[in-house]
Amino acid sequence: MESFEYNPNEENLYNCKDLVILVFFSKCSANSYLMKKPILNIARDNQSKIKLYITDIDKSVDLTASFGIREVPTILLFKNGWIVDRIDGVVGKKELSNKINKFL
């Protein structure tokens, strides 16, 4: 079983004390697939501290627009209801891990 849910509601994002990772992806984007495995691995390794949500930009147009997503993948990190970091596009596994770990 994969350690994520699709399409969060607002309450999931803003009322969680854990680190919430919201990933915007597209099935048509090779870059989205490049980032999938590192994101899932980090979330699995820290599943008691991270809540992971993945949303397809083609199926969640309103959510995508509300966060001004222009590139996929885009990863938003929420902590205590606030966006604390944003990662646009492909980044290396080490950079991704460092950005996430500083909020755990």
Protein backbone atom coordinates (compact mmCIF):
# COMPACT_ATOMS: atom_id res chain seq x y z
CA MET A 1 0.00 0.00 0.00
CA GLU A 2 1.31 3.42 -0.88
CA SER A 3 1.59 5.99 1.90
CA PHE A 4 -0.39 8.84 0.41
CA GLU A 5 -3.90 10.05 -0.31
CA TYR A 6 -5.29 11.86 -3.29
CA ASN A 7 -6.91 15.29 -3.34
CA PRO A 8 -6.85 16.73 0.16
CA ASN A 9 -9.57 18.96 1.46
CA GLU A 10 -8.74 22.28 3.07
CA GLU A 11 -9.06 20.88 6.59
CA ASN A 12 -6.35 18.28 5.87
CA LEU A 13 -3.92 20.98 4.81
CA TYR A 14 -4.51 23.64 7.42
CA ASN A 15 -5.45 21.73 10.58
CA CYS A 16 -2.63 19.22 10.75
CA LYS A 17 0.23 19.52 13.24
CA ASP A 18 2.43 17.14 11.22
CA LEU A 19 4.31 18.15 8.12
CA VAL A 20 1.91 18.03 5.18
CA ILE A 21 3.35 17.52 1.72
CA LEU A 22 1.09 18.37 -1.19
CA VAL A 23 2.41 17.26 -4.58
CA PHE A 24 0.91 18.55 -7.82
CA PHE A 25 1.67 16.26 -10.75
CA SER A 26 0.50 15.41 -14.24
CA LYS A 27 0.32 11.98 -15.82
CA CYS A 28 1.65 13.61 -18.99
CA SER A 29 4.81 14.91 -17.31
CA ALA A 30 8.01 12.87 -17.26
CA ASN A 31 9.32 15.19 -14.54
CA SER A 32 6.43 14.19 -12.29
CA TYR A 33 7.48 10.56 -12.56
CA LEU A 34 11.13 11.42 -11.88
CA MET A 35 10.13 12.90 -8.52
CA LYS A 36 7.56 10.27 -7.52
CA LYS A 37 9.91 7.63 -6.09
CA PRO A 38 12.03 9.99 -3.95
CA ILE A 39 8.91 11.66 -2.54
CA LEU A 40 7.24 8.34 -1.72
CA ASN A 41 10.44 7.01 -0.11
CA ILE A 42 10.84 10.06 2.11
CA ALA A 43 7.18 9.94 3.12
CA ARG A 44 7.34 6.20 3.83
CA ASP A 45 10.50 6.57 5.93
CA ASN A 46 8.84 9.32 7.98
CA GLN A 47 5.22 8.21 7.89
CA SER A 48 4.62 9.00 11.55
CA LYS A 49 5.64 12.65 10.95
CA ILE A 50 4.44 13.32 7.39
CA LYS A 51 1.05 13.37 5.73
CA LEU A 52 1.44 13.09 1.95
CA TYR A 53 -1.18 14.16 -0.57
CA ILE A 54 -0.83 13.86 -4.33
CA THR A 55 -3.12 15.63 -6.73
CA ASP A 56 -3.36 15.46 -10.52
CA ILE A 57 -3.53 18.98 -11.96
CA ASP A 58 -5.88 17.81 -14.69
CA LYS A 59 -8.40 16.47 -12.18
CA SER A 60 -8.05 19.19 -9.53
CA VAL A 61 -8.17 22.37 -11.58
CA ASP A 62 -9.60 24.54 -8.77
CA LEU A 63 -7.03 23.39 -6.20
CA THR A 64 -4.23 23.83 -8.74
CA ALA A 65 -5.37 27.35 -9.57
CA SER A 66 -5.84 28.32 -5.93
CA PHE A 67 -2.12 27.68 -5.27
CA GLY A 68 -0.93 29.27 -8.52
CA ILE A 69 0.67 26.10 -9.83
CA ARG A 70 2.42 26.73 -13.15
CA GLU A 71 4.91 23.86 -13.26
CA VAL A 72 4.81 20.17 -12.44
CA PRO A 73 5.80 18.72 -10.26
CA THR A 74 5.26 21.37 -7.62
CA ILE A 75 5.57 20.39 -3.98
CA LEU A 76 4.10 22.49 -1.19
CA LEU A 77 5.18 21.89 2.40
CA PHE A 78 2.72 22.87 5.13
CA LYS A 79 3.52 23.06 8.83
CA ASN A 80 0.88 24.05 11.40
CA GLY A 81 -1.41 25.25 8.61
CA TRP A 82 1.14 27.47 6.86
CA ILE A 83 3.04 26.95 3.63
CA VAL A 84 6.65 26.82 4.78
CA ASP A 85 8.33 25.89 1.52
CA ARG A 86 7.65 25.35 -2.16
CA ILE A 87 9.60 23.24 -4.63
CA ASP A 88 8.94 23.85 -8.32
CA GLY A 89 10.16 21.33 -10.87
CA VAL A 90 12.71 18.58 -10.51
CA VAL A 91 15.28 18.71 -7.70
CA GLY A 92 17.82 16.14 -6.61
CA LYS A 93 16.99 13.58 -3.94
CA LYS A 94 19.43 15.16 -1.47
CA GLU A 95 17.99 18.67 -1.93
CA LEU A 96 14.45 17.33 -1.60
CA SER A 97 15.36 15.40 1.54
CA ASN A 98 17.11 18.43 3.10
CA LYS A 99 14.15 20.71 2.44
CA ILE A 100 11.70 18.25 3.99
CA ASN A 101 13.89 17.23 6.93
CA LYS A 102 14.32 20.80 8.16
CA PHE A 103 10.59 20.86 8.99
CA LEU A 104 10.36 17.47 10.71
